[in-house]
């Protein structure tokens, strides 16, 4: 999978499809863009500093497959946390309703 970095265009950034990147550079005077196999190479091309990269990428997410795995993993943890919290809130509501009777 390729990553498309738009340095100068309507909205600079990294795009996952050529069609999305093309929308940013077509008809834009002086457009600068390039494709990469690794997302970290694309961030280097854009001169994103370490803070910008860490805001976008998690450790080990140097390609799309690893980024998707990371998102899925974090999503599962968040879902478990929400379910646990929802259960606690439901229990608290039940206790409050019982005490009001």
Protein backbone atom coordinates (compact mmCIF):
# COMPACT_ATOMS: atom_id res chain seq x y z
CA UNK A 1 0.00 0.00 0.00
CA UNK A 2 1.25 3.46 -0.86
CA UNK A 3 0.99 6.72 1.03
CA UNK A 4 0.71 9.97 -0.89
CA UNK A 5 2.28 13.04 0.72
CA UNK A 6 1.09 16.44 -0.48
CA UNK A 7 3.62 19.10 0.53
CA UNK A 8 2.05 21.94 -1.47
CA UNK A 9 -1.58 21.66 -2.47
CA UNK A 10 -5.07 22.64 -1.38
CA UNK A 11 -4.75 20.68 1.88
CA UNK A 12 -1.23 19.41 2.60
CA UNK A 13 -1.02 16.07 4.35
CA UNK A 14 -0.78 12.33 3.84
CA UNK A 15 -3.41 10.51 1.83
CA UNK A 16 -4.01 6.78 1.50
CA UNK A 17 -5.28 6.86 -2.09
CA UNK A 18 -4.05 8.60 -5.21
CA UNK A 19 -7.57 9.86 -5.91
CA UNK A 20 -7.67 11.68 -2.57
CA UNK A 21 -4.21 13.17 -3.10
CA UNK A 22 -5.00 14.09 -6.69
CA UNK A 23 -7.94 16.21 -5.53
CA UNK A 24 -5.46 18.29 -3.54
CA UNK A 25 -2.95 18.87 -6.35
CA UNK A 26 -4.93 18.89 -9.62
CA UNK A 27 -4.95 22.43 -10.97
CA UNK A 28 -2.94 23.72 -8.00
CA UNK A 29 -0.07 25.86 -9.28
CA UNK A 30 3.30 24.71 -7.90
CA UNK A 31 1.92 21.54 -6.31
CA UNK A 32 4.49 19.27 -4.66
CA UNK A 33 3.66 15.65 -3.89
CA UNK A 34 5.22 12.20 -3.79
CA UNK A 35 4.26 8.59 -3.03
CA UNK A 36 5.90 6.37 -0.41
CA UNK A 37 5.74 2.77 0.75
CA UNK A 38 6.21 3.73 4.42
CA UNK A 39 4.17 6.41 6.17
CA UNK A 40 7.26 7.49 8.12
CA UNK A 41 8.99 8.33 4.83
CA UNK A 42 5.99 10.47 3.90
CA UNK A 43 6.18 12.33 7.24
CA UNK A 44 9.90 12.94 6.68
CA UNK A 45 9.16 14.34 3.22
CA UNK A 46 6.66 16.75 4.77
CA UNK A 47 9.25 17.74 7.39
CA UNK A 48 6.87 16.86 10.19
CA UNK A 49 8.69 17.06 13.49
CA UNK A 50 8.72 14.26 16.06
CA UNK A 51 5.75 15.75 17.95
CA UNK A 52 3.60 15.94 14.83
CA UNK A 53 4.52 12.36 13.91
CA UNK A 54 3.72 11.07 17.39
CA UNK A 55 0.37 12.87 17.32
CA UNK A 56 -0.51 10.97 14.16
CA UNK A 57 1.31 7.66 14.56
CA UNK A 58 1.53 5.32 17.51
CA UNK A 59 4.74 3.35 18.14
CA UNK A 60 5.20 0.64 15.48
CA UNK A 61 2.65 2.09 13.08
CA UNK A 62 5.03 2.69 10.19
CA UNK A 63 2.65 1.22 7.64
CA UNK A 64 -1.11 0.94 7.14
CA UNK A 65 -1.41 -2.66 8.32
CA UNK A 66 0.27 -1.86 11.65
CA UNK A 67 -1.77 1.33 12.03
CA UNK A 68 -5.03 -0.60 11.50
CA UNK A 69 -3.95 -3.27 14.00
CA UNK A 70 -3.14 -0.55 16.53
CA UNK A 71 -6.47 1.19 16.03
CA UNK A 72 -8.37 -2.07 16.38
CA UNK A 73 -6.48 -2.97 19.55
CA UNK A 74 -7.12 0.44 21.11
CA UNK A 75 -10.76 0.26 20.01
CA UNK A 76 -11.26 -3.08 21.80
CA UNK A 77 -9.73 -1.70 25.00
CA UNK A 78 -11.96 1.35 24.81
CA UNK A 79 -15.04 -0.80 24.23
CA UNK A 80 -14.25 -2.93 27.30
CA UNK A 81 -13.73 0.21 29.37
CA UNK A 82 -17.05 1.68 28.21
CA UNK A 83 -18.91 -1.57 28.94
CA UNK A 84 -17.41 -1.72 32.44
CA UNK A 85 -18.29 1.94 33.05
CA UNK A 86 -21.82 1.46 31.70
CA UNK A 87 -22.29 -1.52 34.02
CA UNK A 88 -21.14 0.53 37.01
CA UNK A 89 -23.48 3.38 36.12
CA UNK A 90 -26.40 0.99 35.68
CA UNK A 91 -25.69 -0.53 39.09
CA UNK A 92 -25.50 2.93 40.69
CA UNK A 93 -28.82 3.94 39.13
CA UNK A 94 -30.43 0.74 40.39
CA UNK A 95 -29.17 1.44 43.93
CA UNK A 96 -30.42 5.01 43.80
CA UNK A 97 -33.84 3.95 42.52
CA UNK A 98 -34.10 1.28 45.21
CA UNK A 99 -33.25 3.80 47.93
CA UNK A 100 -35.91 6.20 46.66
CA UNK A 101 -38.71 3.64 47.01
